[in-house]
Amino acid sequence: MKKSITQLLWINIAIASFAVSASEISDKFSPYDANSNIEILYDDLDAVLKSSVLAVGHSTRATAKDFKASIGTRMKVRVNKLTALEGNRFFYEQFQDDDNQKLLEDIQQSLESVPSEVSLSKLNRDEQLAYWLNLYNLTVLIELIDMYPIKKIEDEFEDDETIFSKKILNVEGMSLSLNDIENEILFKNYDANPVIIYGMYQGNVGGPNIRKSAFTSNNVYDNLKSNASDFINSNRGTYSEGKSTFRVSSLYERKEMYFPEFQSDLTAHLSKYIHGTMSNYLKAGPTLKPNINDWKITDLYKSQKSRGMSTAANSAALMDSIGRTSGGAGMPGTGSPNLGLAAEVFADRGVTYGRFSPEQIEILQKVDQLRLENAGEVTITDIKSEDTETQTEEN
């Protein structure tokens, strides 16, 4: 069916509007200060991740056994045997509690408000990268918690209206989606560096790991490379049993903009991190086939009910593996994560400059004072701390 001239006109207007919007996002968040030493604090997010993420360790490339139905039932749990034993897990079950869910939302709002304290343009590139990845991952968690208990999230990667495409964030007065953060900020500001994809948690077992700590400017690239190595050297990332075809995660197909010449660029990228037997298969120059998938949400047990099995899907086994915590929300014997610590950390934050150290606050306040006195813009890097000034005078 042919479209009318009017329909085509409106389609072109819509495309142009989207392009302008995308350009505005890129332009707004591209400036940075290479000399800035301002650091954002993430101790509240750290507390949540440390208490709520179960790290499974490096992949052994073992495959899961074919689970049998237990006595008294004909039902059994279906799993992806290739990847079922891999990938860090998040304690989604605990966040069905309204107070715990609100804790995450409060942290998210606090991160969104960072630019009201210090413009992102005053930060260096590494600091900006850590900020965007933390905001991205926290938002994915919040959106999936809102949908939980959901077993598989495949639709969120295929439908037009997904948690990744919705304009659900507001940073410096601009509405953003998760796709905006990736495509218009991270992809463009970091030279399409494929290591970035391993820092964006997708919520499924077949995606990059959620880490037990927040990204910071000091650890961001080390942690991205660690995630890349973990993923590539796991069954979730690469797998081959022969020489002609080399299976890789469908993640790489969804992120193909990072690999313009898909076969050669992805092969070169994988070669930087892969080791062991799979490295030998890759060196043989096989065709890469992006067909490894595991859409199961990275929860602990609720989406996959125990049927009497003593496996990683068994709730009791998982509760033992995450460990018992004490204090706050995690009293001994409860099996709940210690979210009380995160709540206390968040509550202790001041309204003004809440995510910056006392030393940085002093500098920021001096900057504000100079700005008022001079009625002009003064960059943070123009101001030295008193300690730095004293050392300079002594030298």
Protein backbone atom coordinates (compact mmCIF):
# COMPACT_ATOMS: atom_id res chain seq x y z
CA MET A 1 0.00 0.00 0.00
CA LYS A 2 1.45 3.34 -1.10
CA LYS A 3 1.69 6.20 1.37
CA SER A 4 0.15 9.55 0.51
CA ILE A 5 2.24 12.68 0.10
CA THR A 6 0.83 13.95 3.41
CA GLN A 7 1.83 10.75 5.20
CA LEU A 8 5.34 10.91 3.76
CA LEU A 9 5.61 14.55 4.80
CA TRP A 10 4.68 13.75 8.40
CA ILE A 11 7.11 10.81 8.45
CA ASN A 12 9.91 13.09 7.25
CA ILE A 13 9.00 15.70 9.87
CA ALA A 14 9.05 13.02 12.58
CA ILE A 15 12.45 11.76 11.42
CA ALA A 16 13.82 15.29 11.31
CA SER A 17 12.48 16.01 14.80
CA PHE A 18 14.13 12.85 16.13
CA ALA A 19 17.42 13.76 14.46
CA VAL A 20 17.36 17.23 15.98
CA SER A 21 16.58 15.76 19.39
CA ALA A 22 19.45 13.29 19.09
CA SER A 23 21.81 16.06 17.98
CA GLU A 24 20.76 18.21 20.91
CA ILE A 25 21.56 15.41 23.33
CA SER A 26 24.99 14.86 21.81
CA ASP A 27 25.79 18.57 21.80
CA LYS A 28 24.63 19.10 25.36
CA PHE A 29 26.63 16.29 26.91
CA SER A 30 29.80 16.38 24.82
CA PRO A 31 31.73 19.15 26.71
CA TYR A 32 34.13 18.06 29.45
CA ASP A 33 37.06 19.37 31.47
CA ALA A 34 40.13 17.20 30.92
CA ASN A 35 41.92 18.77 33.91
CA SER A 36 39.09 18.37 36.41
CA ASN A 37 39.72 16.36 39.57
CA ILE A 38 36.13 16.54 40.83
CA GLU A 39 34.84 13.12 41.89
CA ILE A 40 31.26 11.97 42.43
CA LEU A 41 30.60 9.76 45.46
CA TYR A 42 28.60 6.54 45.04
CA ASP A 43 28.79 5.01 48.51
CA ASP A 44 25.00 4.58 48.70
CA LEU A 45 24.87 2.75 45.37
CA ASP A 46 27.93 0.77 46.44
CA ALA A 47 26.12 -0.39 49.58
CA VAL A 48 23.14 -1.58 47.53
CA LEU A 49 25.26 -3.47 45.01
CA LYS A 50 27.51 -5.07 47.59
CA SER A 51 24.53 -6.41 49.52
CA SER A 52 22.30 -7.34 46.58
CA VAL A 53 24.56 -8.76 43.87
CA LEU A 54 25.65 -12.39 43.98
CA ALA A 55 28.92 -12.70 42.03
CA VAL A 56 29.25 -16.20 40.57
CA GLY A 57 32.93 -15.89 39.68
CA HIS A 58 34.71 -16.65 36.43
CA SER A 59 33.03 -19.07 34.07
CA THR A 60 34.34 -22.64 34.04
CA ARG A 61 32.45 -23.17 30.76
CA ALA A 62 30.57 -25.99 32.45
CA THR A 63 27.06 -26.70 31.20
CA ALA A 64 24.09 -27.44 33.43
CA LYS A 65 22.69 -30.93 33.78
CA ASP A 66 19.30 -31.81 32.37
CA PHE A 67 17.08 -31.41 35.43
CA LYS A 68 14.66 -34.25 36.10
CA ALA A 69 11.22 -33.91 37.64
CA SER A 70 11.30 -34.61 41.36
CA ILE A 71 9.20 -37.30 43.03
CA GLY A 72 5.53 -36.41 43.24
CA THR A 73 5.43 -34.10 40.21
CA ARG A 74 5.78 -34.30 36.47
CA MET A 75 6.93 -30.70 36.31
CA LYS A 76 10.54 -29.73 35.80
CA VAL A 77 12.38 -26.46 35.29
CA ARG A 78 13.55 -25.66 31.78
CA VAL A 79 16.88 -23.87 31.60
CA ASN A 80 19.42 -22.92 28.98
CA LYS A 81 21.99 -25.59 29.83
CA LEU A 82 24.80 -23.74 28.07
CA THR A 83 24.51 -20.58 30.16
CA ALA A 84 22.43 -21.48 33.23
CA LEU A 85 25.45 -21.62 35.57
CA GLU A 86 26.83 -18.24 34.53
CA GLY A 87 26.27 -14.55 35.18
CA ASN A 88 26.04 -12.49 38.36
CA ARG A 89 22.61 -12.38 39.98
CA PHE A 90 20.68 -9.54 41.59
CA PHE A 91 18.39 -9.99 44.59
CA TYR A 92 15.23 -8.73 42.83
CA GLU A 93 13.15 -10.68 45.34
CA GLN A 94 14.10 -8.32 48.16
CA PHE A 95 13.02 -5.25 46.22
CA GLN A 96 9.37 -6.20 46.18
CA ASP A 97 9.35 -4.31 49.46
CA ASP A 98 8.18 -0.73 48.86
CA ASP A 99 10.80 0.80 51.16
CA ASN A 100 13.66 -0.94 49.40
CA GLN A 101 12.28 0.00 46.01
CA LYS A 102 11.98 3.63 47.10
CA LEU A 103 15.60 3.54 48.24
CA LEU A 104 16.72 2.82 44.68
CA GLU A 105 14.41 5.49 43.28
CA ASP A 106 15.82 8.04 45.74
CA ILE A 107 19.36 7.20 44.66
CA GLN A 108 18.31 7.54 41.03
CA GLN A 109 16.79 10.97 41.66
CA SER A 110 19.94 11.98 43.53
CA LEU A 111 22.07 10.99 40.53
CA GLU A 112 19.78 12.88 38.16
CA SER A 113 20.22 15.99 40.28
CA VAL A 114 24.04 15.91 40.24
CA PRO A 115 24.20 18.51 37.42
CA SER A 116 22.24 20.93 39.59
CA GLU A 117 25.24 20.88 41.91
CA VAL A 118 28.02 20.75 39.30
CA SER A 119 27.50 20.74 35.55
CA LEU A 120 28.68 17.53 33.94
CA SER A 121 30.78 19.66 31.61
CA LYS A 122 33.00 20.43 34.62
CA LEU A 123 33.94 16.75 34.96
CA ASN A 124 36.61 14.81 33.11
CA ARG A 125 35.74 12.07 30.65
CA ASP A 126 36.34 9.16 33.05
CA GLU A 127 34.15 10.76 35.70
CA GLN A 128 31.40 11.30 33.16
CA LEU A 129 31.67 7.71 31.96
CA ALA A 130 31.28 6.33 35.49
CA TYR A 131 28.30 8.63 36.06
CA TRP A 132 26.43 7.56 32.92
CA LEU A 133 27.07 3.85 33.47
CA ASN A 134 25.89 3.99 37.10
CA LEU A 135 22.76 5.92 36.16
CA TYR A 136 22.08 3.54 33.26
CA ASN A 137 22.46 0.37 35.33
CA LEU A 138 20.48 1.65 38.29
CA THR A 139 17.65 2.65 35.95
CA VAL A 140 17.59 -0.82 34.36
CA LEU A 141 17.31 -2.35 37.84
CA ILE A 142 14.45 -0.03 38.81
CA GLU A 143 12.52 -0.70 35.61
CA LEU A 144 12.90 -4.47 35.92
CA ILE A 145 11.92 -4.39 39.59
CA ASP A 146 8.73 -2.64 38.51
CA MET A 147 8.04 -5.55 36.11
CA TYR A 148 9.09 -8.30 38.51
CA PRO A 149 8.47 -11.20 38.87
CA ILE A 150 9.11 -11.55 35.15
CA LYS A 151 10.90 -14.67 33.92
CA LYS A 152 12.28 -13.62 30.56
CA ILE A 153 12.86 -10.15 29.15
CA GLU A 154 13.30 -10.92 25.46
CA ASP A 155 10.48 -8.54 24.50
CA GLU A 156 12.44 -5.64 25.97
CA PHE A 157 15.00 -6.07 23.18
CA GLU A 158 12.55 -6.49 20.33
CA ASP A 159 9.49 -4.29 20.86
CA ASP A 160 9.42 -0.60 19.94
CA GLU A 161 8.27 0.55 23.39
CA THR A 162 10.74 -0.88 25.89
CA ILE A 163 12.52 0.13 29.07
CA PHE A 164 15.46 1.08 26.87
CA SER A 165 13.51 3.38 24.55
CA LYS A 166 11.27 5.20 27.04
CA LYS A 167 12.19 8.76 28.06
CA ILE A 168 12.35 7.98 31.77
CA LEU A 169 15.25 10.15 32.94
CA ASN A 170 15.79 13.88 33.21
CA VAL A 171 19.36 15.17 33.37
CA GLU A 172 20.14 18.88 33.17
CA GLY A 173 16.60 19.56 32.01
CA MET A 174 16.77 17.07 29.12
CA SER A 175 14.55 13.98 28.89
CA LEU A 176 16.62 10.89 28.17
CA SER A 177 16.07 7.22 27.46
CA LEU A 178 18.60 4.48 28.12
CA ASN A 179 19.12 4.26 24.37
CA ASP A 180 19.89 8.00 24.34
CA ILE A 181 22.59 7.46 26.96
CA GLU A 182 24.19 4.69 24.95
CA ASN A 183 23.75 5.96 21.38
CA GLU A 184 24.03 9.72 21.75
CA ILE A 185 26.38 10.05 24.72
CA LEU A 186 28.53 6.98 25.34
CA PHE A 187 28.92 5.82 21.74
CA LYS A 188 29.76 9.28 20.42
CA ASN A 189 31.79 10.65 23.32
CA TYR A 190 34.01 7.58 23.68
CA ASP A 191 34.92 6.95 20.04
CA ALA A 192 32.65 3.92 19.65
CA ASN A 193 34.91 1.98 22.03
CA PRO A 194 33.35 -1.52 22.22
CA VAL A 195 34.54 -2.07 25.79
CA ILE A 196 31.73 0.32 26.81
CA ILE A 197 29.07 -2.29 26.04
CA TYR A 198 30.27 -4.45 28.94
CA GLY A 199 29.41 -1.70 31.41
CA MET A 200 25.74 -1.53 30.42
CA TYR A 201 23.75 -4.10 32.38
CA GLN A 202 20.85 -5.50 30.35
CA GLY A 203 19.06 -7.51 33.03
CA ASN A 204 19.35 -10.93 31.36
CA VAL A 205 21.69 -13.84 32.05
CA GLY A 206 22.98 -13.60 28.48
CA GLY A 207 24.19 -10.03 28.95
CA PRO A 208 27.16 -8.34 30.67
CA ASN A 209 27.47 -8.72 34.43
CA ILE A 210 26.03 -6.36 37.01
CA ARG A 211 28.98 -5.67 39.31
CA LYS A 212 29.13 -5.67 43.10
CA SER A 213 30.35 -2.10 43.19
CA ALA A 214 29.65 1.18 41.46
CA PHE A 215 31.85 2.50 38.69
CA THR A 216 34.16 5.39 39.59
CA SER A 217 36.59 7.42 37.50
CA ASN A 218 39.45 5.48 39.09
CA ASN A 219 38.14 2.00 38.34
CA VAL A 220 35.88 2.40 35.32
CA TYR A 221 38.19 1.14 32.57
CA ASP A 222 39.69 -1.65 34.68
CA ASN A 223 36.19 -2.86 35.54
CA LEU A 224 34.99 -2.59 31.94
CA LYS A 225 37.93 -4.72 30.79
CA SER A 226 37.25 -7.19 33.60
CA ASN A 227 33.61 -7.46 32.54
CA ALA A 228 34.70 -7.89 28.92
CA SER A 229 37.07 -10.71 29.83
CA ASP A 230 34.46 -12.42 32.02
CA PHE A 231 31.84 -12.25 29.28
CA ILE A 232 34.00 -13.25 26.33
CA ASN A 233 35.51 -16.17 28.24
CA SER A 234 32.11 -17.56 29.19
CA ASN A 235 29.50 -19.61 27.38
CA ARG A 236 27.30 -16.50 27.37
CA GLY A 237 29.80 -14.73 25.14
CA THR A 238 31.55 -17.30 22.95
CA TYR A 239 31.23 -21.01 22.29
CA SER A 240 32.47 -23.33 19.58
CA GLU A 241 32.77 -27.06 19.07
CA GLY A 242 34.26 -27.03 15.57
CA LYS A 243 36.39 -25.02 13.18
CA SER A 244 33.92 -23.70 10.61
CA THR A 245 31.49 -21.77 12.82
CA PHE A 246 32.18 -19.82 15.99
CA ARG A 247 29.11 -18.98 18.07
CA VAL A 248 28.97 -15.59 19.81
CA SER A 249 26.37 -13.78 21.87
CA SER A 250 23.48 -12.08 20.10
CA LEU A 251 24.52 -9.05 22.16
CA TYR A 252 27.13 -8.34 19.48
CA GLU A 253 24.48 -8.28 16.78
CA ARG A 254 22.41 -5.79 18.79
CA LYS A 255 25.55 -3.68 19.29
CA GLU A 256 26.76 -3.98 15.70
CA MET A 257 27.30 -0.22 15.44
CA TYR A 258 30.47 -0.85 17.47
CA PHE A 259 31.62 -3.31 14.80
CA PRO A 260 31.11 -1.71 11.34
CA GLU A 261 32.88 -4.60 9.60
CA PHE A 262 31.15 -7.15 11.77
CA GLN A 263 33.20 -10.29 11.13
CA SER A 264 36.66 -8.72 11.09
CA ASP A 265 36.06 -6.04 13.74
CA LEU A 266 34.41 -8.42 16.18
CA THR A 267 37.09 -11.07 15.63
CA ALA A 268 39.80 -8.50 16.39
CA HIS A 269 37.93 -7.36 19.50
CA LEU A 270 37.38 -10.87 20.85
CA SER A 271 41.03 -11.74 20.22
CA LYS A 272 42.13 -9.10 22.74
CA TYR A 273 40.44 -10.93 25.63
CA ILE A 274 39.80 -14.55 24.73
CA HIS A 275 42.04 -17.34 25.99
CA GLY A 276 42.09 -21.10 26.37
CA THR A 277 40.61 -23.56 23.88
CA MET A 278 38.17 -21.03 22.45
CA SER A 279 41.11 -18.84 21.47
CA ASN A 280 42.41 -21.63 19.27
CA TYR A 281 39.03 -21.96 17.57
CA LEU A 282 38.88 -18.21 16.96
CA LYS A 283 42.39 -18.11 15.47
CA ALA A 284 41.27 -20.57 12.80
CA GLY A 285 39.24 -17.75 11.25
CA PRO A 286 35.73 -19.19 11.46
CA THR A 287 32.48 -17.42 10.57
CA LEU A 288 31.03 -15.69 13.63
CA LYS A 289 27.41 -16.60 14.26
CA PRO A 290 25.62 -14.39 16.86
CA ASN A 291 23.10 -16.93 18.11
CA ILE A 292 23.87 -17.43 21.82
CA ASN A 293 20.91 -16.21 23.89
CA ASP A 294 19.69 -16.45 27.46
CA TRP A 295 16.79 -14.09 28.12
CA LYS A 296 16.18 -15.20 31.71
CA ILE A 297 16.25 -12.33 34.18
CA THR A 298 19.27 -12.39 36.50
CA ASP A 299 17.29 -12.94 39.68
CA LEU A 300 18.08 -15.47 42.38
CA TYR A 301 15.14 -17.82 42.51
CA LYS A 302 11.63 -16.34 42.37
CA SER A 303 11.20 -16.50 38.60
CA GLN A 304 12.33 -20.12 38.61
CA LYS A 305 10.49 -22.03 41.29
CA SER A 306 12.22 -24.86 43.08
CA ARG A 307 10.77 -28.28 42.32
CA GLY A 308 12.67 -30.12 45.02
CA MET A 309 16.00 -29.71 43.23
CA SER A 310 19.26 -28.94 44.97
CA THR A 311 20.60 -26.67 42.21
CA ALA A 312 21.39 -23.03 41.55
CA ALA A 313 17.66 -22.61 40.95
CA ASN A 314 16.86 -23.77 44.47
CA SER A 315 15.96 -20.85 46.74
CA ALA A 316 17.58 -22.35 49.84
CA ALA A 317 20.85 -22.95 48.02
CA LEU A 318 20.84 -19.44 46.66
CA MET A 319 20.12 -17.92 50.05
CA ASP A 320 23.11 -19.81 51.44
CA SER A 321 25.31 -18.63 48.61
CA ILE A 322 24.46 -14.95 49.02
CA GLY A 323 25.25 -15.23 52.71
CA ARG A 324 23.61 -13.88 55.82
CA THR A 325 24.07 -10.23 56.70
CA SER A 326 23.58 -8.31 59.90
CA GLY A 327 22.24 -4.92 60.78
CA GLY A 328 19.62 -2.79 59.05
CA ALA A 329 17.43 -4.78 56.69
CA GLY A 330 19.61 -7.87 56.92
CA MET A 331 19.26 -9.31 60.41
CA PRO A 332 21.01 -12.61 61.13
CA GLY A 333 19.14 -15.60 59.78
CA THR A 334 16.86 -13.63 57.45
CA GLY A 335 18.81 -14.16 54.25
CA SER A 336 18.05 -10.56 53.31
CA PRO A 337 20.69 -8.14 52.05
CA ASN A 338 21.89 -5.40 54.33
CA LEU A 339 20.04 -2.54 52.67
CA GLY A 340 19.91 -0.71 55.99
CA LEU A 341 23.48 0.48 55.35
CA ALA A 342 22.49 1.94 51.99
CA ALA A 343 19.49 3.68 53.52
CA GLU A 344 21.67 5.20 56.24
CA VAL A 345 24.24 6.38 53.71
CA PHE A 346 21.57 8.00 51.60
CA ALA A 347 19.88 9.64 54.59
CA ASP A 348 23.19 11.12 55.73
CA ARG A 349 23.68 12.99 52.48
CA GLY A 350 23.23 16.72 52.60
CA VAL A 351 20.84 18.34 50.14
CA THR A 352 23.59 20.56 48.77
CA TYR A 353 26.71 19.01 47.20
CA GLY A 354 25.59 15.66 48.59
CA ARG A 355 27.75 13.59 46.24
CA PHE A 356 31.05 15.39 46.75
CA SER A 357 33.71 15.13 49.45
CA PRO A 358 34.14 17.87 52.09
CA GLU A 359 37.31 19.07 50.37
CA GLN A 360 35.55 19.35 47.04
CA ILE A 361 32.56 21.06 48.65
CA GLU A 362 34.88 23.76 50.00
CA ILE A 363 36.31 24.31 46.52
CA LEU A 364 32.85 24.33 44.93
CA GLN A 365 31.60 26.87 47.44
CA LYS A 366 34.59 29.10 46.69
CA VAL A 367 33.80 28.82 43.01
CA ASP A 368 30.20 29.85 43.62
CA GLN A 369 31.37 32.80 45.69
CA LEU A 370 33.77 33.96 42.96
CA ARG A 371 31.08 33.52 40.35
CA LEU A 372 28.79 35.83 42.29
CA GLU A 373 31.53 38.37 42.87
CA ASN A 374 32.70 38.44 39.28
CA ALA A 375 29.29 37.86 37.68
CA GLY A 376 30.96 35.48 35.25
CA GLU A 377 31.74 31.83 34.85
CA VAL A 378 34.74 30.41 36.68
CA THR A 379 35.83 26.82 36.12
CA ILE A 380 36.55 24.60 39.08
CA THR A 381 40.06 23.91 37.87
CA ASP A 382 40.93 27.59 38.31
CA ILE A 383 40.74 27.16 42.09
CA LYS A 384 43.37 25.32 44.10
CA SER A 385 42.76 23.92 47.54
CA GLU A 386 44.57 25.55 50.45
CA ASP A 387 46.72 22.43 50.86
CA THR A 388 47.87 22.67 47.23
CA GLU A 389 48.61 26.39 47.62
CA THR A 390 50.68 25.73 50.76
CA GLN A 391 52.70 23.01 49.02
CA THR A 392 53.32 25.33 46.05
CA GLU A 393 54.56 28.12 48.33
CA GLU A 394 56.89 25.72 50.18
CA ASN A 395 58.37 24.51 46.91
